C-alpha atoms as a PDB file:
ATOM      1  CA  MET A   1       0.000   0.000   0.000  1.00  0.00           C
ATOM      2  CA  GLY A   2       2.946   2.323   0.592  1.00  0.00           C
ATOM      3  CA  ILE A   3       4.060   2.101  -3.056  1.00  0.00           C
ATOM      4  CA  LEU A   4       0.591   2.891  -4.388  1.00  0.00           C
ATOM      5  CA  SER A   5       0.193   6.032  -2.319  1.00  0.00           C
ATOM      6  CA  SER A   6       3.733   7.148  -3.235  1.00  0.00           C
ATOM      7  CA  ALA A   7       3.021   6.606  -6.928  1.00  0.00           C
ATOM      8  CA  MET A   8      -0.259   8.493  -6.646  1.00  0.00           C
ATOM      9  CA  ARG A   9       1.481  11.426  -4.959  1.00  0.00           C
ATOM     10  CA  PHE A  10       4.069  11.462  -7.727  1.00  0.00           C
ATOM     11  CA  ALA A  11       1.353  11.331 -10.421  1.00  0.00           C
ATOM     12  CA  VAL A  12      -0.531  14.224  -8.826  1.00  0.00           C
ATOM     13  CA  LEU A  13       2.684  16.228  -8.550  1.00  0.00           C
ATOM     14  CA  VAL A  14       3.545  15.613 -12.220  1.00  0.00           C
ATOM     15  CA  PHE A  15      -0.003  16.568 -13.255  1.00  0.00           C
ATOM     16  CA  LEU A  16       0.127  19.814 -11.281  1.00  0.00           C
ATOM     17  CA  LEU A  17       3.558  20.738 -12.621  1.00  0.00           C
ATOM     18  CA  ALA A  18       2.405  20.066 -16.186  1.00  0.00           C
ATOM     19  CA  GLY A  19      -0.626  22.305 -15.616  1.00  0.00           C
ATOM     20  CA  LEU A  20       1.537  25.104 -14.256  1.00  0.00           C
ATOM     21  CA  ALA A  21       4.020  24.792 -17.112  1.00  0.00           C
ATOM     22  CA  SER A  22       1.362  24.896 -19.837  1.00  0.00           C
ATOM     23  CA  GLY A  23      -0.710  27.743 -18.373  1.00  0.00           C
ATOM     24  CA  CYS A  24      -3.948  28.795 -20.007  1.00  0.00           C
ATOM     25  CA  GLY A  25      -2.549  30.971 -22.800  1.00  0.00           C
ATOM     26  CA  GLN A  26      -3.749  34.234 -21.262  1.00  0.00           C
ATOM     27  CA  ARG A  27      -1.505  37.192 -21.982  1.00  0.00           C
ATOM     28  CA  GLY A  28      -1.705  40.201 -19.725  1.00  0.00           C
ATOM     29  CA  GLU A  29      -3.904  40.742 -16.715  1.00  0.00           C
ATOM     30  CA  LEU A  30      -7.394  39.351 -16.358  1.00  0.00           C
ATOM     31  CA  TYR A  31     -10.173  41.932 -15.966  1.00  0.00           C
ATOM     32  CA  LEU A  32     -13.942  42.116 -15.845  1.00  0.00           C
ATOM     33  CA  ARG A  33     -15.789  43.456 -18.883  1.00  0.00           C
ATOM     34  CA  ASP A  34     -17.403  46.155 -16.744  1.00  0.00           C
ATOM     35  CA  SER A  35     -14.079  47.720 -15.790  1.00  0.00           C
ATOM     36  CA  PRO A  36     -11.419  47.193 -18.490  1.00  0.00           C
ATOM     37  CA  PRO A  37      -7.936  48.664 -18.034  1.00  0.00           C
ATOM     38  CA  PRO A  38      -7.162  52.048 -19.617  1.00  0.00           C
ATOM     39  CA  GLY A  39      -6.860  51.861 -23.385  1.00  0.00           C
ATOM     40  CA  VAL A  40      -9.093  48.790 -23.753  1.00  0.00           C
ATOM     41  CA  LYS A  41     -12.686  49.740 -24.429  1.00  0.00           C
ATOM     42  CA  PRO A  42     -14.959  47.041 -25.859  1.00  0.00           C
ATOM     43  CA  PRO A  43     -17.606  48.267 -28.324  1.00  0.00           C
ATOM     44  CA  ARG A  44     -21.011  48.906 -26.822  1.00  0.00           C
ATOM     45  CA  PRO A  45     -23.746  46.573 -28.047  1.00  0.00           C
ATOM     46  CA  GLU A  46     -26.779  48.061 -29.745  1.00  0.00           C
ATOM     47  CA  ALA A  47     -29.764  48.684 -27.511  1.00  0.00           C
ATOM     48  CA  TYR A  48     -32.696  46.323 -27.819  1.00  0.00           C
ATOM     49  CA  ALA A  49     -35.662  47.667 -29.776  1.00  0.00           C
ATOM     50  CA  PRO A  50     -38.990  47.319 -27.934  1.00  0.00           C
ATOM     51  CA  VAL A  51     -41.515  44.940 -29.421  1.00  0.00           C
ATOM     52  CA  PRO A  52     -45.013  46.492 -29.686  1.00  0.00           C
ATOM     53  CA  TYR A  53     -47.995  44.665 -28.276  1.00  0.00           C
ATOM     54  CA  PRO A  54     -50.318  43.144 -30.879  1.00  0.00           C
ATOM     55  CA  PRO A  55     -53.648  44.945 -31.264  1.00  0.00           C
ATOM     56  CA  PRO A  56     -56.560  43.466 -29.329  1.00  0.00           C
ATOM     57  CA  ALA A  57     -58.772  41.048 -31.270  1.00  0.00           C
ATOM     58  CA  GLY A  58     -61.762  43.426 -31.122  1.00  0.00           C
ATOM     59  CA  ASP A  59     -59.897  46.319 -32.814  1.00  0.00           C
ATOM     60  CA  ALA A  60     -58.654  44.126 -35.683  1.00  0.00           C
ATOM     61  CA  ALA A  61     -62.198  42.888 -36.439  1.00  0.00           C
ATOM     62  CA  GLU A  62     -63.580  46.469 -36.504  1.00  0.00           C
ATOM     63  CA  LYS A  63     -60.836  47.700 -38.882  1.00  0.00           C
ATOM     64  CA  LYS A  64     -61.622  44.967 -41.449  1.00  0.00           C
ATOM     65  CA  ARG A  65     -65.172  46.253 -41.946  1.00  0.00           C
END
């Protein structure tokens, strides 16, 4: 049982070191979209257009006459 736990510790250590060595590919500091660093301003999305309510069934029937 001592060899198995030693091998598992070694495997976990190798896995963690490989993860640290590879990194995630991020360059520069991480930031939230709400507060970007100076010089980085994401484009503002277009505002949503309101959708009008459909006319009531009674008004549509009267207009067809």
